């Protein structure tokens, strides 16, 4: 991070910490824990979605062709 960005983040954390009655260090600690929990839950959510999508994809591979698929592949010669 650049010095200006780091300084702005420090002042923002300190001012919002004062708003909630916390020091800048306490606010940074709580914010880090909250961000860590949010990151963990997001990671678990993506893994669950990936598993669900893979299972759904397997079912899509073994389905019966629909009518427009049959016509496209020349199976509908009636």
PDB file of N, CA and C in Angstrom:
ATOM      1  N   UNK A   1       0.839  -1.180   0.000  1.00  0.00           N
ATOM      2  CA  UNK A   1       0.000   0.000   0.000  1.00  0.00           C
ATOM      3  C   UNK A   1       0.884   1.244   0.000  1.00  0.00           C
ATOM      4  N   UNK A   2       0.375   2.264  -0.566  1.00  0.00           N
ATOM      5  CA  UNK A   2       1.133   3.517  -0.542  1.00  0.00           C
ATOM      6  C   UNK A   2       0.971   4.185   0.816  1.00  0.00           C
ATOM      7  N   UNK A   3       1.829   5.127   1.083  1.00  0.00           N
ATOM      8  CA  UNK A   3       1.783   5.818   2.375  1.00  0.00           C
ATOM      9  C   UNK A   3       0.486   6.589   2.562  1.00  0.00           C
ATOM     10  N   UNK A   4      -0.002   7.202   1.480  1.00  0.00           N
ATOM     11  CA  UNK A   4      -1.241   7.982   1.592  1.00  0.00           C
ATOM     12  C   UNK A   4      -2.429   7.070   1.891  1.00  0.00           C
ATOM     13  N   UNK A   5      -2.475   5.917   1.215  1.00  0.00           N
ATOM     14  CA  UNK A   5      -3.572   4.980   1.441  1.00  0.00           C
ATOM     15  C   UNK A   5      -3.514   4.426   2.853  1.00  0.00           C
ATOM     16  N   UNK A   6      -2.317   4.075   3.293  1.00  0.00           N
ATOM     17  CA  UNK A   6      -2.152   3.541   4.639  1.00  0.00           C
ATOM     18  C   UNK A   6      -2.532   4.579   5.693  1.00  0.00           C
ATOM     19  N   UNK A   7      -2.147   5.807   5.468  1.00  0.00           N
ATOM     20  CA  UNK A   7      -2.493   6.878   6.407  1.00  0.00           C
ATOM     21  C   UNK A   7      -3.998   7.099   6.441  1.00  0.00           C
ATOM     22  N   UNK A   8      -4.625   7.091   5.283  1.00  0.00           N
ATOM     23  CA  UNK A   8      -6.078   7.280   5.225  1.00  0.00           C
ATOM     24  C   UNK A   8      -6.799   6.135   5.927  1.00  0.00           C
ATOM     25  N   UNK A   9      -6.320   4.906   5.721  1.00  0.00           N
ATOM     26  CA  UNK A   9      -6.940   3.756   6.382  1.00  0.00           C
ATOM     27  C   UNK A   9      -6.760   3.837   7.895  1.00  0.00           C
ATOM     28  N   UNK A  10      -5.595   4.287   8.329  1.00  0.00           N
ATOM     29  CA  UNK A  10      -5.347   4.420   9.769  1.00  0.00           C
ATOM     30  C   UNK A  10      -6.265   5.464  10.385  1.00  0.00           C
ATOM     31  N   UNK A  11      -6.387   6.615   9.727  1.00  0.00           N
ATOM     32  CA  UNK A  11      -7.270   7.659  10.250  1.00  0.00           C
ATOM     33  C   UNK A  11      -8.735   7.209  10.225  1.00  0.00           C
ATOM     34  N   UNK A  12      -9.118   6.492   9.184  1.00  0.00           N
ATOM     35  CA  UNK A  12     -10.499   6.009   9.108  1.00  0.00           C
ATOM     36  C   UNK A  12     -10.779   5.017  10.226  1.00  0.00           C
ATOM     37  N   UNK A  13      -9.835   4.116  10.477  1.00  0.00           N
ATOM     38  CA  UNK A  13     -10.016   3.139  11.554  1.00  0.00           C
ATOM     39  C   UNK A  13     -10.052   3.826  12.909  1.00  0.00           C
ATOM     40  N   UNK A  14      -9.190   4.815  13.083  1.00  0.00           N
ATOM     41  CA  UNK A  14      -9.155   5.519  14.365  1.00  0.00           C
ATOM     42  C   UNK A  14     -10.434   6.318  14.590  1.00  0.00           C
ATOM     43  N   UNK A  15     -10.912   6.987  13.551  1.00  0.00           N
ATOM     44  CA  UNK A  15     -12.123   7.803  13.722  1.00  0.00           C
ATOM     45  C   UNK A  15     -13.353   6.929  13.918  1.00  0.00           C
ATOM     46  N   UNK A  16     -13.466   5.842  13.169  1.00  0.00           N
ATOM     47  CA  UNK A  16     -14.617   4.966  13.371  1.00  0.00           C
ATOM     48  C   UNK A  16     -14.500   4.228  14.693  1.00  0.00           C
ATOM     49  N   UNK A  17     -13.268   3.949  15.121  1.00  0.00           N
ATOM     50  CA  UNK A  17     -13.085   3.336  16.433  1.00  0.00           C
ATOM     51  C   UNK A  17     -13.513   4.270  17.549  1.00  0.00           C
ATOM     52  N   UNK A  18     -13.210   5.544  17.404  1.00  0.00           N
ATOM     53  CA  UNK A  18     -13.650   6.518  18.399  1.00  0.00           C
ATOM     54  C   UNK A  18     -15.165   6.631  18.421  1.00  0.00           C
ATOM     55  N   UNK A  19     -15.775   6.489  17.247  1.00  0.00           N
ATOM     56  CA  UNK A  19     -17.229   6.553  17.162  1.00  0.00           C
ATOM     57  C   UNK A  19     -17.857   5.419  17.965  1.00  0.00           C
ATOM     58  N   UNK A  20     -17.254   4.233  17.914  1.00  0.00           N
ATOM     59  CA  UNK A  20     -17.773   3.082  18.646  1.00  0.00           C
ATOM     60  C   UNK A  20     -17.176   2.963  20.048  1.00  0.00           C
ATOM     61  N   UNK A  21     -16.290   3.863  20.431  1.00  0.00           N
ATOM     62  CA  UNK A  21     -15.700   3.818  21.754  1.00  0.00           C
ATOM     63  C   UNK A  21     -14.519   2.871  21.864  1.00  0.00           C
ATOM     64  N   UNK A  22     -13.867   2.555  20.764  1.00  0.00           N
ATOM     65  CA  UNK A  22     -12.716   1.661  20.767  1.00  0.00           C
ATOM     66  C   UNK A  22     -11.471   2.440  20.379  1.00  0.00           C
ATOM     67  N   UNK A  23     -10.331   1.926  20.771  1.00  0.00           N
ATOM     68  CA  UNK A  23      -9.092   2.522  20.271  1.00  0.00           C
ATOM     69  C   UNK A  23      -8.836   1.988  18.870  1.00  0.00           C
ATOM     70  N   UNK A  24      -7.902   2.579  18.180  1.00  0.00           N
ATOM     71  CA  UNK A  24      -7.617   2.155  16.805  1.00  0.00           C
ATOM     72  C   UNK A  24      -7.117   0.720  16.772  1.00  0.00           C
ATOM     73  N   UNK A  25      -6.343   0.321  17.763  1.00  0.00           N
ATOM     74  CA  UNK A  25      -5.810  -1.045  17.796  1.00  0.00           C
ATOM     75  C   UNK A  25      -6.928  -2.048  18.045  1.00  0.00           C
ATOM     76  N   UNK A  26      -7.824  -1.736  18.970  1.00  0.00           N
ATOM     77  CA  UNK A  26      -8.946  -2.639  19.236  1.00  0.00           C
ATOM     78  C   UNK A  26      -9.851  -2.750  18.017  1.00  0.00           C
ATOM     79  N   UNK A  27     -10.122  -1.608  17.387  1.00  0.00           N
ATOM     80  CA  UNK A  27     -10.974  -1.627  16.200  1.00  0.00           C
ATOM     81  C   UNK A  27     -10.336  -2.453  15.089  1.00  0.00           C
ATOM     82  N   UNK A  28      -9.031  -2.309  14.892  1.00  0.00           N
ATOM     83  CA  UNK A  28      -8.337  -3.089  13.866  1.00  0.00           C
ATOM     84  C   UNK A  28      -8.393  -4.573  14.187  1.00  0.00           C
ATOM     85  N   UNK A  29      -8.276  -4.926  15.462  1.00  0.00           N
ATOM     86  CA  UNK A  29      -8.340  -6.334  15.851  1.00  0.00           C
ATOM     87  C   UNK A  29      -9.726  -6.907  15.575  1.00  0.00           C
ATOM     88  N   UNK A  30     -10.766  -6.186  15.979  1.00  0.00           N
ATOM     89  CA  UNK A  30     -12.125  -6.669  15.731  1.00  0.00           C
ATOM     90  C   UNK A  30     -12.442  -6.721  14.240  1.00  0.00           C
ATOM     91  N   UNK A  31     -11.991  -5.728  13.508  1.00  0.00           N
ATOM     92  CA  UNK A  31     -12.228  -5.722  12.065  1.00  0.00           C
ATOM     93  C   UNK A  31     -11.496  -6.878  11.390  1.00  0.00           C
ATOM     94  N   UNK A  32     -10.303  -7.197  11.851  1.00  0.00           N
ATOM     95  CA  UNK A  32      -9.556  -8.322  11.279  1.00  0.00           C
ATOM     96  C   UNK A  32     -10.259  -9.642  11.545  1.00  0.00           C
ATOM     97  N   UNK A  33     -10.772  -9.807  12.752  1.00  0.00           N
ATOM     98  CA  UNK A  33     -11.504 -11.033  13.078  1.00  0.00           C
ATOM     99  C   UNK A  33     -12.765 -11.130  12.230  1.00  0.00           C
ATOM    100  N   UNK A  34     -13.491 -10.035  12.106  1.00  0.00           N
ATOM    101  CA  UNK A  34     -14.712 -10.046  11.301  1.00  0.00           C
ATOM    102  C   UNK A  34     -14.406 -10.343   9.839  1.00  0.00           C
ATOM    103  N   UNK A  35     -13.343  -9.764   9.320  1.00  0.00           N
ATOM    104  CA  UNK A  35     -12.959 -10.016   7.934  1.00  0.00           C
ATOM    105  C   UNK A  35     -12.519 -11.464   7.745  1.00  0.00           C
ATOM    106  N   UNK A  36     -11.816 -12.015   8.726  1.00  0.00           N
ATOM    107  CA  UNK A  36     -11.403 -13.412   8.650  1.00  0.00           C
ATOM    108  C   UNK A  36     -12.596 -14.356   8.637  1.00  0.00           C
ATOM    109  N   UNK A  37     -13.580 -14.096   9.490  1.00  0.00           N
ATOM    110  CA  UNK A  37     -14.783 -14.933   9.530  1.00  0.00           C
ATOM    111  C   UNK A  37     -15.555 -14.811   8.222  1.00  0.00           C
ATOM    112  N   UNK A  38     -15.679 -13.605   7.707  1.00  0.00           N
ATOM    113  CA  UNK A  38     -16.375 -13.400   6.435  1.00  0.00           C
ATOM    114  C   UNK A  38     -15.660 -14.112   5.289  1.00  0.00           C
ATOM    115  N   UNK A  39     -14.341 -14.055   5.274  1.00  0.00           N
ATOM    116  CA  UNK A  39     -13.565 -14.749   4.245  1.00  0.00           C
ATOM    117  C   UNK A  39     -13.755 -16.254   4.345  1.00  0.00           C
ATOM    118  N   UNK A  40     -13.745 -16.782   5.566  1.00  0.00           N
ATOM    119  CA  UNK A  40     -13.936 -18.218   5.773  1.00  0.00           C
ATOM    120  C   UNK A  40     -15.316 -18.660   5.285  1.00  0.00           C
ATOM    121  N   UNK A  41     -16.345 -17.920   5.664  1.00  0.00           N
ATOM    122  CA  UNK A  41     -17.698 -18.293   5.245  1.00  0.00           C
ATOM    123  C   UNK A  41     -17.867 -18.197   3.732  1.00  0.00           C
ATOM    124  N   UNK A  42     -17.250 -17.210   3.115  1.00  0.00           N
ATOM    125  CA  UNK A  42     -17.301 -17.090   1.659  1.00  0.00           C
ATOM    126  C   UNK A  42     -16.609 -18.267   0.999  1.00  0.00           C
ATOM    127  N   UNK A  43     -15.466 -18.668   1.534  1.00  0.00           N
ATOM    128  CA  UNK A  43     -14.734 -19.803   0.987  1.00  0.00           C
ATOM    129  C   UNK A  43     -15.557 -21.085   1.101  1.00  0.00           C
ATOM    130  N   UNK A  44     -16.173 -21.305   2.249  1.00  0.00           N
ATOM    131  CA  UNK A  44     -17.014 -22.492   2.431  1.00  0.00           C
ATOM    132  C   UNK A  44     -18.194 -22.452   1.463  1.00  0.00           C
ATOM    133  N   UNK A  45     -18.784 -21.280   1.300  1.00  0.00           N
ATOM    134  CA  UNK A  45     -19.907 -21.154   0.369  1.00  0.00           C
ATOM    135  C   UNK A  45     -19.519 -21.477  -1.060  1.00  0.00           C
ATOM    136  N   UNK A  46     -18.360 -20.993  -1.503  1.00  0.00           N
ATOM    137  CA  UNK A  46     -17.915 -21.301  -2.858  1.00  0.00           C
ATOM    138  C   UNK A  46     -17.618 -22.784  -3.023  1.00  0.00           C
ATOM    139  N   UNK A  47     -17.050 -23.424  -1.995  1.00  0.00           N
ATOM    140  CA  UNK A  47     -16.766 -24.856  -2.097  1.00  0.00           C
ATOM    141  C   UNK A  47     -18.052 -25.661  -2.171  1.00  0.00           C
ATOM    142  N   UNK A  48     -19.044 -25.284  -1.368  1.00  0.00           N
ATOM    143  CA  UNK A  48     -20.325 -25.984  -1.424  1.00  0.00           C
ATOM    144  C   UNK A  48     -20.996 -25.780  -2.777  1.00  0.00           C
ATOM    145  N   UNK A  49     -20.937 -24.558  -3.301  1.00  0.00           N
ATOM    146  CA  UNK A  49     -21.520 -24.297  -4.613  1.00  0.00           C
ATOM    147  C   UNK A  49     -20.798 -25.095  -5.691  1.00  0.00           C
ATOM    148  N   UNK A  50     -19.480 -25.217  -5.590  1.00  0.00           N
ATOM    149  CA  UNK A  50     -18.712 -25.974  -6.573  1.00  0.00           C
ATOM    150  C   UNK A  50     -19.112 -27.444  -6.551  1.00  0.00           C
ATOM    151  N   UNK A  51     -19.275 -28.005  -5.349  1.00  0.00           N
ATOM    152  CA  UNK A  51     -19.724 -29.403  -5.248  1.00  0.00           C
ATOM    153  C   UNK A  51     -21.103 -29.574  -5.850  1.00  0.00           C
ATOM    154  N   UNK A  52     -22.012 -28.654  -5.509  1.00  0.00           N
ATOM    155  CA  UNK A  52     -23.368 -28.739  -6.025  1.00  0.00           C
ATOM    156  C   UNK A  52     -23.369 -28.620  -7.542  1.00  0.00           C
ATOM    157  N   UNK A  53     -22.544 -27.727  -8.079  1.00  0.00           N
ATOM    158  CA  UNK A  53     -22.496 -27.522  -9.520  1.00  0.00           C
ATOM    159  C   UNK A  53     -21.915 -28.738 -10.225  1.00  0.00           C
ATOM    160  N   UNK A  54     -20.926 -29.380  -9.618  1.00  0.00           N
ATOM    161  CA  UNK A  54     -20.367 -30.590 -10.232  1.00  0.00           C
ATOM    162  C   UNK A  54     -21.395 -31.700 -10.281  1.00  0.00           C
ATOM    163  N   UNK A  55     -22.138 -31.881  -9.187  1.00  0.00           N
ATOM    164  CA  UNK A  55     -23.175 -32.923  -9.185  1.00  0.00           C
ATOM    165  C   UNK A  55     -24.248 -32.611 -10.212  1.00  0.00           C
ATOM    166  N   UNK A  56     -24.633 -31.357 -10.302  1.00  0.00           N
ATOM    167  CA  UNK A  56     -25.631 -30.949 -11.285  1.00  0.00           C
ATOM    168  C   UNK A  56     -25.098 -31.159 -12.696  1.00  0.00           C
ATOM    169  N   UNK A  57     -23.825 -30.892 -12.895  1.00  0.00           N
ATOM    170  CA  UNK A  57     -23.219 -31.076 -14.206  1.00  0.00           C
ATOM    171  C   UNK A  57     -23.167 -32.526 -14.613  1.00  0.00           C
ATOM    172  N   UNK A  58     -22.929 -33.423 -13.657  1.00  0.00           N
ATOM    173  CA  UNK A  58     -22.919 -34.848 -13.972  1.00  0.00           C
ATOM    174  C   UNK A  58     -24.293 -35.301 -14.430  1.00  0.00           C
ATOM    175  N   UNK A  59     -25.332 -34.787 -13.781  1.00  0.00           N
ATOM    176  CA  UNK A  59     -26.680 -35.160 -14.196  1.00  0.00           C
ATOM    177  C   UNK A  59     -26.992 -34.631 -15.587  1.00  0.00           C
ATOM    178  N   UNK A  60     -26.476 -33.447 -15.908  1.00  0.00           N
ATOM    179  CA  UNK A  60     -26.733 -32.885 -17.226  1.00  0.00           C
ATOM    180  C   UNK A  60     -26.082 -33.728 -18.317  1.00  0.00           C
ATOM    181  N   UNK A  61     -24.961 -34.376 -18.011  1.00  0.00           N
ATOM    182  CA  UNK A  61     -24.287 -35.180 -19.020  1.00  0.00           C
ATOM    183  C   UNK A  61     -25.054 -36.458 -19.338  1.00  0.00           C
ATOM    184  N   UNK A  62     -25.812 -36.978 -18.366  1.00  0.00           N
ATOM    185  CA  UNK A  62     -26.479 -38.266 -18.552  1.00  0.00           C
ATOM    186  C   UNK A  62     -27.973 -38.128 -18.800  1.00  0.00           C
ATOM    187  N   UNK A  63     -28.421 -36.968 -19.212  1.00  0.00           N
ATOM    188  CA  UNK A  63     -29.850 -36.785 -19.433  1.00  0.00           C
ATOM    189  C   UNK A  63     -30.235 -37.252 -20.836  1.00  0.00           C
ATOM    190  N   UNK A  64     -31.498 -37.463 -20.999  1.00  0.00           N
ATOM    191  CA  UNK A  64     -32.017 -37.802 -22.318  1.00  0.00           C
ATOM    192  C   UNK A  64     -32.044 -36.538 -23.175  1.00  0.00           C
ATOM    193  N   UNK A  65     -31.750 -36.640 -24.461  1.00  0.00           N
ATOM    194  CA  UNK A  65     -31.774 -35.437 -25.298  1.00  0.00           C
ATOM    195  C   UNK A  65     -33.192 -34.884 -25.435  1.00  0.00           C
ATOM    196  N   UNK A  66     -33.310 -33.597 -25.470  1.00  0.00           N
ATOM    197  CA  UNK A  66     -34.608 -32.959 -25.655  1.00  0.00           C
ATOM    198  C   UNK A  66     -34.909 -32.927 -27.150  1.00  0.00           C
ATOM    199  N   UNK A  67     -36.109 -32.494 -27.485  1.00  0.00           N
ATOM    200  CA  UNK A  67     -36.548 -32.543 -28.880  1.00  0.00           C
ATOM    201  C   UNK A  67     -35.629 -31.745 -29.798  1.00  0.00           C
ATOM    202  N   UNK A  68     -35.229 -30.541 -29.403  1.00  0.00           N
ATOM    203  CA  UNK A  68     -34.389 -29.756 -30.305  1.00  0.00           C
ATOM    204  C   UNK A  68     -32.998 -30.376 -30.438  1.00  0.00           C
ATOM    205  N   UNK A  69     -32.535 -31.134 -29.436  1.00  0.00           N
ATOM    206  CA  UNK A  69     -31.257 -31.833 -29.560  1.00  0.00           C
ATOM    207  C   UNK A  69     -31.355 -32.953 -30.589  1.00  0.00           C
ATOM    208  N   UNK A  70     -32.486 -33.661 -30.602  1.00  0.00           N
ATOM    209  CA  UNK A  70     -32.659 -34.761 -31.553  1.00  0.00           C
ATOM    210  C   UNK A  70     -32.656 -34.237 -32.986  1.00  0.00           C
ATOM    211  N   UNK A  71     -33.351 -33.110 -33.191  1.00  0.00           N
ATOM    212  CA  UNK A  71     -33.379 -32.543 -34.535  1.00  0.00           C
ATOM    213  C   UNK A  71     -32.000 -32.067 -34.961  1.00  0.00           C
ATOM    214  N   UNK A  72     -31.259 -31.500 -34.045  1.00  0.00           N
ATOM    215  CA  UNK A  72     -29.937 -30.980 -34.368  1.00  0.00           C
ATOM    216  C   UNK A  72     -28.985 -32.116 -34.749  1.00  0.00           C
ATOM    217  N   UNK A  73     -29.130 -33.263 -34.118  1.00  0.00           N
ATOM    218  CA  UNK A  73     -28.211 -34.371 -34.375  1.00  0.00           C
ATOM    219  C   UNK A  73     -28.739 -35.351 -35.421  1.00  0.00           C
ATOM    220  N   UNK A  74     -29.833 -35.028 -36.062  1.00  0.00           N
ATOM    221  CA  UNK A  74     -30.331 -35.847 -37.153  1.00  0.00           C
ATOM    222  C   UNK A  74     -31.048 -37.102 -36.716  1.00  0.00           C
ATOM    223  N   UNK A  75     -31.486 -37.169 -35.477  1.00  0.00           N
ATOM    224  CA  UNK A  75     -32.179 -38.359 -35.007  1.00  0.00           C
ATOM    225  C   UNK A  75     -33.670 -38.296 -35.298  1.00  0.00           C
ATOM    226  N   UNK A  76     -34.158 -37.153 -35.703  1.00  0.00           N
ATOM    227  CA  UNK A  76     -35.586 -36.989 -35.945  1.00  0.00           C
ATOM    228  C   UNK A  76     -35.831 -37.027 -37.452  1.00  0.00           C
ATOM    229  N   UNK A  77     -35.876 -38.221 -38.029  1.00  0.00           N
ATOM    230  CA  UNK A  77     -36.032 -38.365 -39.480  1.00  0.00           C
ATOM    231  C   UNK A  77     -37.443 -38.779 -39.855  1.00  0.00           C
ATOM    232  N   UNK A  78     -38.422 -38.411 -39.081  1.00  0.00           N
ATOM    233  CA  UNK A  78     -39.798 -38.823 -39.368  1.00  0.00           C
ATOM    234  C   UNK A  78     -40.377 -38.041 -40.508  1.00  0.00           C
TER     235      UNK A  78
END
